[in-house]
């Protein structure tokens, strides 16, 4: 029987609150106190810096948006309303202990989610994330402690794309970013997308999806 993947929908929450929640859940998952879990959240406006040395150089005009240094891989990114952020907290074992394969699985779940909505997503060699043509629609940045994953992905559902002008997202120009709403030319609710991306994650990782 597949191991469970617990789905936790948090609604809109400040970044710091969810970051601390991740750290607590990672420690609990290491001790096998909880099952594998995916947190789904929409954040207030925030810019986060990954471990890449040049990340701060790619902050152009943050203004009153908080800028936080965190332990995930990658460069700088923006989170805010209209963006669906997912944090898989998975205990990897056996053949799963391959972080390149883990990243490809996250990408596949995103591509499967986009396909559900009639969007043809692709990978872009040399860049993690999900793309639609030459536009980036989802970003990925992960961290791992004792083979328990945290941080994750940000899918632009109906994000205000003008907000990316504050940074060079992942070292790229801001106009490379797109959203599901822009591609589909209609409004898209996060509530439409959340169950689809959770199911896609459960499928690619071979887990049985359960609600919190």
C-alpha atoms as a PDB file:
ATOM      1  CA  UNK A   1       0.000   0.000   0.000  1.00  0.00           C
ATOM      2  CA  UNK A   2       1.442   3.462  -0.893  1.00  0.00           C
ATOM      3  CA  UNK A   3       2.638   5.684   1.915  1.00  0.00           C
ATOM      4  CA  UNK A   4       0.309   8.626   2.627  1.00  0.00           C
ATOM      5  CA  UNK A   5       0.870  12.226   1.537  1.00  0.00           C
ATOM      6  CA  UNK A   6      -1.031  14.560   3.844  1.00  0.00           C
ATOM      7  CA  UNK A   7      -2.416  17.702   2.172  1.00  0.00           C
ATOM      8  CA  UNK A   8      -2.531  20.852   4.324  1.00  0.00           C
ATOM      9  CA  UNK A   9      -4.220  23.930   2.812  1.00  0.00           C
ATOM     10  CA  UNK A  10      -3.143  27.050   4.708  1.00  0.00           C
ATOM     11  CA  UNK A  11      -4.839  29.827   2.742  1.00  0.00           C
ATOM     12  CA  UNK A  12      -2.954  33.147   2.786  1.00  0.00           C
ATOM     13  CA  UNK A  13      -0.204  33.329   5.394  1.00  0.00           C
ATOM     14  CA  UNK A  14       2.903  35.447   6.059  1.00  0.00           C
ATOM     15  CA  UNK A  15       6.130  33.855   4.884  1.00  0.00           C
ATOM     16  CA  UNK A  16       7.803  33.768   8.303  1.00  0.00           C
ATOM     17  CA  UNK A  17       4.931  31.864   9.884  1.00  0.00           C
ATOM     18  CA  UNK A  18       5.045  29.134   7.222  1.00  0.00           C
ATOM     19  CA  UNK A  19       8.849  28.979   7.226  1.00  0.00           C
ATOM     20  CA  UNK A  20       8.856  28.188  10.941  1.00  0.00           C
ATOM     21  CA  UNK A  21       6.056  25.699  10.396  1.00  0.00           C
ATOM     22  CA  UNK A  22       8.198  23.927   7.800  1.00  0.00           C
ATOM     23  CA  UNK A  23      11.156  23.684  10.159  1.00  0.00           C
ATOM     24  CA  UNK A  24       8.949  22.220  12.887  1.00  0.00           C
ATOM     25  CA  UNK A  25       7.404  19.689  10.503  1.00  0.00           C
ATOM     26  CA  UNK A  26      10.793  18.668   9.096  1.00  0.00           C
ATOM     27  CA  UNK A  27      12.000  17.813  12.606  1.00  0.00           C
ATOM     28  CA  UNK A  28       8.808  15.869  13.286  1.00  0.00           C
ATOM     29  CA  UNK A  29       9.077  14.011   9.970  1.00  0.00           C
ATOM     30  CA  UNK A  30      12.671  13.038  10.784  1.00  0.00           C
ATOM     31  CA  UNK A  31      11.341  11.452  13.985  1.00  0.00           C
ATOM     32  CA  UNK A  32       8.479   9.743  12.065  1.00  0.00           C
ATOM     33  CA  UNK A  33       5.909  11.600  14.155  1.00  0.00           C
ATOM     34  CA  UNK A  34       3.987  12.702  11.044  1.00  0.00           C
ATOM     35  CA  UNK A  35       3.540  11.331   7.517  1.00  0.00           C
ATOM     36  CA  UNK A  36       4.856  12.977   4.386  1.00  0.00           C
ATOM     37  CA  UNK A  37       3.093  16.329   4.093  1.00  0.00           C
ATOM     38  CA  UNK A  38       2.601  19.023   1.478  1.00  0.00           C
ATOM     39  CA  UNK A  39       1.766  22.548   2.600  1.00  0.00           C
ATOM     40  CA  UNK A  40      -0.157  24.650   0.084  1.00  0.00           C
ATOM     41  CA  UNK A  41      -0.165  28.382   0.744  1.00  0.00           C
ATOM     42  CA  UNK A  42      -0.551  31.848  -0.740  1.00  0.00           C
ATOM     43  CA  UNK A  43       1.909  34.329   0.747  1.00  0.00           C
ATOM     44  CA  UNK A  44       1.832  38.009   1.506  1.00  0.00           C
ATOM     45  CA  UNK A  45       4.350  39.995  -0.566  1.00  0.00           C
ATOM     46  CA  UNK A  46       7.914  38.838   0.131  1.00  0.00           C
ATOM     47  CA  UNK A  47      11.243  38.438  -1.678  1.00  0.00           C
ATOM     48  CA  UNK A  48      13.408  35.487  -0.679  1.00  0.00           C
ATOM     49  CA  UNK A  49      17.092  34.895  -1.336  1.00  0.00           C
ATOM     50  CA  UNK A  50      18.446  31.391  -1.822  1.00  0.00           C
ATOM     51  CA  UNK A  51      21.989  30.215  -1.153  1.00  0.00           C
ATOM     52  CA  UNK A  52      23.399  31.377  -4.500  1.00  0.00           C
ATOM     53  CA  UNK A  53      26.049  34.024  -3.794  1.00  0.00           C
ATOM     54  CA  UNK A  54      24.825  36.550  -6.365  1.00  0.00           C
ATOM     55  CA  UNK A  55      21.195  36.403  -5.185  1.00  0.00           C
ATOM     56  CA  UNK A  56      21.271  39.817  -3.465  1.00  0.00           C
ATOM     57  CA  UNK A  57      22.612  41.432  -6.646  1.00  0.00           C
ATOM     58  CA  UNK A  58      19.374  40.423  -8.364  1.00  0.00           C
ATOM     59  CA  UNK A  59      17.223  42.484  -5.995  1.00  0.00           C
ATOM     60  CA  UNK A  60      16.596  45.676  -7.957  1.00  0.00           C
ATOM     61  CA  UNK A  61      13.943  47.712  -6.158  1.00  0.00           C
ATOM     62  CA  UNK A  62      12.330  45.909  -3.235  1.00  0.00           C
ATOM     63  CA  UNK A  63      10.704  49.043  -1.841  1.00  0.00           C
ATOM     64  CA  UNK A  64       8.587  48.069   1.165  1.00  0.00           C
ATOM     65  CA  UNK A  65       8.581  44.338   0.310  1.00  0.00           C
ATOM     66  CA  UNK A  66      10.485  42.324   2.966  1.00  0.00           C
ATOM     67  CA  UNK A  67      13.671  40.600   1.737  1.00  0.00           C
ATOM     68  CA  UNK A  68      14.573  37.400   3.595  1.00  0.00           C
ATOM     69  CA  UNK A  69      17.619  35.140   3.348  1.00  0.00           C
ATOM     70  CA  UNK A  70      16.679  31.484   3.619  1.00  0.00           C
ATOM     71  CA  UNK A  71      18.300  28.067   3.322  1.00  0.00           C
ATOM     72  CA  UNK A  72      16.826  26.849   0.030  1.00  0.00           C
ATOM     73  CA  UNK A  73      18.888  26.464  -3.113  1.00  0.00           C
ATOM     74  CA  UNK A  74      18.672  28.883  -6.001  1.00  0.00           C
ATOM     75  CA  UNK A  75      18.600  32.624  -6.511  1.00  0.00           C
ATOM     76  CA  UNK A  76      16.058  35.340  -5.701  1.00  0.00           C
ATOM     77  CA  UNK A  77      12.305  34.972  -6.118  1.00  0.00           C
ATOM     78  CA  UNK A  78       9.111  36.833  -5.319  1.00  0.00           C
ATOM     79  CA  UNK A  79       6.061  35.418  -3.556  1.00  0.00           C
ATOM     80  CA  UNK A  80       2.731  37.164  -3.284  1.00  0.00           C
ATOM     81  CA  UNK A  81      -1.027  37.036  -3.717  1.00  0.00           C
ATOM     82  CA  UNK A  82      -2.229  35.001  -6.666  1.00  0.00           C
ATOM     83  CA  UNK A  83       0.720  32.616  -6.508  1.00  0.00           C
ATOM     84  CA  UNK A  84       0.295  29.021  -5.322  1.00  0.00           C
ATOM     85  CA  UNK A  85       3.269  27.921  -3.236  1.00  0.00           C
ATOM     86  CA  UNK A  86       3.832  24.290  -2.337  1.00  0.00           C
ATOM     87  CA  UNK A  87       6.196  22.917   0.304  1.00  0.00           C
ATOM     88  CA  UNK A  88       6.562  19.109   0.102  1.00  0.00           C
ATOM     89  CA  UNK A  89       7.969  17.693   3.345  1.00  0.00           C
ATOM     90  CA  UNK A  90       8.902  14.199   2.215  1.00  0.00           C
ATOM     91  CA  UNK A  91      11.165  11.637   3.840  1.00  0.00           C
ATOM     92  CA  UNK A  92      13.147  10.232   0.932  1.00  0.00           C
ATOM     93  CA  UNK A  93      14.297   6.631   1.148  1.00  0.00           C
ATOM     94  CA  UNK A  94      16.079   4.130  -1.081  1.00  0.00           C
ATOM     95  CA  UNK A  95      16.063   5.100  -4.745  1.00  0.00           C
ATOM     96  CA  UNK A  96      14.298   8.379  -3.895  1.00  0.00           C
ATOM     97  CA  UNK A  97      17.549   9.733  -2.453  1.00  0.00           C
ATOM     98  CA  UNK A  98      18.488  11.424  -5.716  1.00  0.00           C
ATOM     99  CA  UNK A  99      17.928  15.179  -5.586  1.00  0.00           C
ATOM    100  CA  UNK A 100      18.130  15.592  -9.360  1.00  0.00           C
ATOM    101  CA  UNK A 101      15.339  13.033  -9.718  1.00  0.00           C
ATOM    102  CA  UNK A 102      13.433  14.790  -6.924  1.00  0.00           C
ATOM    103  CA  UNK A 103      13.604  18.102  -8.809  1.00  0.00           C
ATOM    104  CA  UNK A 104      12.486  16.431 -12.042  1.00  0.00           C
ATOM    105  CA  UNK A 105       9.522  14.908 -10.182  1.00  0.00           C
ATOM    106  CA  UNK A 106       8.479  18.325  -8.865  1.00  0.00           C
ATOM    107  CA  UNK A 107       8.720  19.667 -12.414  1.00  0.00           C
ATOM    108  CA  UNK A 108       6.635  16.766 -13.705  1.00  0.00           C
ATOM    109  CA  UNK A 109       3.906  17.427 -11.140  1.00  0.00           C
ATOM    110  CA  UNK A 110       3.804  21.050 -12.290  1.00  0.00           C
ATOM    111  CA  UNK A 111       3.671  20.052 -15.958  1.00  0.00           C
ATOM    112  CA  UNK A 112       0.865  17.594 -15.206  1.00  0.00           C
ATOM    113  CA  UNK A 113      -1.034  20.335 -13.359  1.00  0.00           C
ATOM    114  CA  UNK A 114      -0.683  22.720 -16.287  1.00  0.00           C
ATOM    115  CA  UNK A 115      -1.826  20.007 -18.715  1.00  0.00           C
ATOM    116  CA  UNK A 116      -4.984  19.515 -16.632  1.00  0.00           C
ATOM    117  CA  UNK A 117      -5.867  23.126 -17.444  1.00  0.00           C
ATOM    118  CA  UNK A 118      -4.993  22.795 -21.126  1.00  0.00           C
ATOM    119  CA  UNK A 119      -1.584  24.480 -20.868  1.00  0.00           C
ATOM    120  CA  UNK A 120       1.392  22.859 -22.573  1.00  0.00           C
ATOM    121  CA  UNK A 121       4.275  23.245 -20.165  1.00  0.00           C
ATOM    122  CA  UNK A 122       7.885  22.276 -20.817  1.00  0.00           C
ATOM    123  CA  UNK A 123      11.246  21.984 -19.113  1.00  0.00           C
ATOM    124  CA  UNK A 124      14.043  24.376 -20.032  1.00  0.00           C
ATOM    125  CA  UNK A 125      17.493  22.713 -19.996  1.00  0.00           C
ATOM    126  CA  UNK A 126      19.760  24.468 -17.535  1.00  0.00           C
ATOM    127  CA  UNK A 127      16.897  26.038 -15.585  1.00  0.00           C
ATOM    128  CA  UNK A 128      14.683  24.348 -13.020  1.00  0.00           C
ATOM    129  CA  UNK A 129      10.993  25.083 -13.024  1.00  0.00           C
ATOM    130  CA  UNK A 130       8.146  24.903 -15.527  1.00  0.00           C
ATOM    131  CA  UNK A 131       7.960  26.928 -18.720  1.00  0.00           C
ATOM    132  CA  UNK A 132       5.357  27.777 -21.343  1.00  0.00           C
ATOM    133  CA  UNK A 133       7.229  28.504 -24.543  1.00  0.00           C
ATOM    134  CA  UNK A 134       9.959  30.974 -23.595  1.00  0.00           C
ATOM    135  CA  UNK A 135       8.114  32.154 -20.473  1.00  0.00           C
ATOM    136  CA  UNK A 136       8.611  30.826 -16.945  1.00  0.00           C
ATOM    137  CA  UNK A 137       5.423  29.959 -15.084  1.00  0.00           C
ATOM    138  CA  UNK A 138       6.771  28.152 -12.007  1.00  0.00           C
ATOM    139  CA  UNK A 139       9.968  28.303  -9.954  1.00  0.00           C
ATOM    140  CA  UNK A 140      11.545  25.647  -7.743  1.00  0.00           C
ATOM    141  CA  UNK A 141      13.978  25.933  -4.837  1.00  0.00           C
ATOM    142  CA  UNK A 142      14.495  23.134  -2.341  1.00  0.00           C
ATOM    143  CA  UNK A 143      16.361  22.218   0.817  1.00  0.00           C
ATOM    144  CA  UNK A 144      16.968  18.837   2.469  1.00  0.00           C
ATOM    145  CA  UNK A 145      17.867  17.847   6.037  1.00  0.00           C
ATOM    146  CA  UNK A 146      18.639  14.207   6.808  1.00  0.00           C
ATOM    147  CA  UNK A 147      16.795  13.296   3.603  1.00  0.00           C
ATOM    148  CA  UNK A 148      13.642  15.181   4.546  1.00  0.00           C
ATOM    149  CA  UNK A 149      12.757  17.799   1.942  1.00  0.00           C
ATOM    150  CA  UNK A 150      11.379  21.286   2.477  1.00  0.00           C
ATOM    151  CA  UNK A 151      10.855  24.529   0.564  1.00  0.00           C
ATOM    152  CA  UNK A 152       9.499  23.697  -2.881  1.00  0.00           C
ATOM    153  CA  UNK A 153       7.760  25.448  -5.763  1.00  0.00           C
ATOM    154  CA  UNK A 154       5.850  28.602  -6.672  1.00  0.00           C
ATOM    155  CA  UNK A 155       3.290  28.429  -9.478  1.00  0.00           C
ATOM    156  CA  UNK A 156       2.039  31.727 -10.870  1.00  0.00           C
ATOM    157  CA  UNK A 157      -1.728  31.267 -11.034  1.00  0.00           C
ATOM    158  CA  UNK A 158      -3.009  34.832 -11.187  1.00  0.00           C
ATOM    159  CA  UNK A 159       0.034  36.621  -9.817  1.00  0.00           C
ATOM    160  CA  UNK A 160       0.490  40.349 -10.514  1.00  0.00           C
ATOM    161  CA  UNK A 161       3.443  39.908 -12.879  1.00  0.00           C
ATOM    162  CA  UNK A 162       4.464  43.562 -12.512  1.00  0.00           C
ATOM    163  CA  UNK A 163       5.702  42.646  -9.025  1.00  0.00           C
ATOM    164  CA  UNK A 164       8.597  40.707 -10.552  1.00  0.00           C
ATOM    165  CA  UNK A 165      10.094  44.023 -11.729  1.00  0.00           C
ATOM    166  CA  UNK A 166      11.506  44.351  -8.186  1.00  0.00           C
ATOM    167  CA  UNK A 167      13.992  41.549  -8.953  1.00  0.00           C
ATOM    168  CA  UNK A 168      15.747  39.573 -11.633  1.00  0.00           C
ATOM    169  CA  UNK A 169      13.798  36.366 -10.861  1.00  0.00           C
ATOM    170  CA  UNK A 170      16.248  33.469 -10.640  1.00  0.00           C
ATOM    171  CA  UNK A 171      18.752  35.776 -12.368  1.00  0.00           C
ATOM    172  CA  UNK A 172      16.465  36.329 -15.378  1.00  0.00           C
ATOM    173  CA  UNK A 173      14.703  39.441 -16.640  1.00  0.00           C
ATOM    174  CA  UNK A 174      11.323  40.102 -15.038  1.00  0.00           C
ATOM    175  CA  UNK A 175       9.438  39.940 -18.336  1.00  0.00           C
ATOM    176  CA  UNK A 176      10.277  36.225 -18.656  1.00  0.00           C
ATOM    177  CA  UNK A 177       7.581  35.448 -16.064  1.00  0.00           C
ATOM    178  CA  UNK A 178       4.038  34.463 -16.971  1.00  0.00           C
ATOM    179  CA  UNK A 179       0.996  33.070 -15.174  1.00  0.00           C
ATOM    180  CA  UNK A 180      -1.830  30.635 -15.789  1.00  0.00           C
ATOM    181  CA  UNK A 181      -4.260  33.552 -16.007  1.00  0.00           C
ATOM    182  CA  UNK A 182      -2.125  35.269 -18.644  1.00  0.00           C
ATOM    183  CA  UNK A 183      -1.754  32.092 -20.723  1.00  0.00           C
ATOM    184  CA  UNK A 184      -5.450  31.154 -20.490  1.00  0.00           C
ATOM    185  CA  UNK A 185      -6.670  34.750 -20.777  1.00  0.00           C
ATOM    186  CA  UNK A 186      -9.095  34.233 -17.917  1.00  0.00           C
ATOM    187  CA  UNK A 187      -9.114  34.517 -14.173  1.00  0.00           C
ATOM    188  CA  UNK A 188      -7.982  31.360 -12.381  1.00  0.00           C
ATOM    189  CA  UNK A 189      -8.625  30.745  -8.685  1.00  0.00           C
ATOM    190  CA  UNK A 190      -6.025  29.111  -6.486  1.00  0.00           C
ATOM    191  CA  UNK A 191      -8.827  26.944  -5.138  1.00  0.00           C
ATOM    192  CA  UNK A 192      -9.146  25.415  -8.637  1.00  0.00           C
ATOM    193  CA  UNK A 193      -5.463  24.602  -8.844  1.00  0.00           C
ATOM    194  CA  UNK A 194      -4.591  23.430  -5.317  1.00  0.00           C
ATOM    195  CA  UNK A 195      -6.278  19.994  -5.440  1.00  0.00           C
ATOM    196  CA  UNK A 196      -4.892  19.330  -8.914  1.00  0.00           C
ATOM    197  CA  UNK A 197      -1.283  20.040  -7.967  1.00  0.00           C
ATOM    198  CA  UNK A 198      -1.623  17.966  -4.775  1.00  0.00           C
ATOM    199  CA  UNK A 199      -2.928  15.006  -6.767  1.00  0.00           C
ATOM    200  CA  UNK A 200      -0.108  15.415  -9.299  1.00  0.00           C
ATOM    201  CA  UNK A 201       2.491  15.410  -6.520  1.00  0.00           C
ATOM    202  CA  UNK A 202       0.987  12.285  -4.962  1.00  0.00           C
ATOM    203  CA  UNK A 203       1.026  10.537  -8.335  1.00  0.00           C
ATOM    204  CA  UNK A 204       4.634  11.339  -9.282  1.00  0.00           C
ATOM    205  CA  UNK A 205       5.933  10.375  -5.832  1.00  0.00           C
ATOM    206  CA  UNK A 206       3.779   7.259  -5.537  1.00  0.00           C
ATOM    207  CA  UNK A 207       1.943   8.418  -2.412  1.00  0.00           C
ATOM    208  CA  UNK A 208      -1.724   8.103  -1.428  1.00  0.00           C
ATOM    209  CA  UNK A 209      -3.168  11.601  -1.041  1.00  0.00           C
ATOM    210  CA  UNK A 210      -5.042  12.233   2.226  1.00  0.00           C
ATOM    211  CA  UNK A 211      -6.548  15.413   3.664  1.00  0.00           C
ATOM    212  CA  UNK A 212      -5.274  16.866   6.911  1.00  0.00           C
END
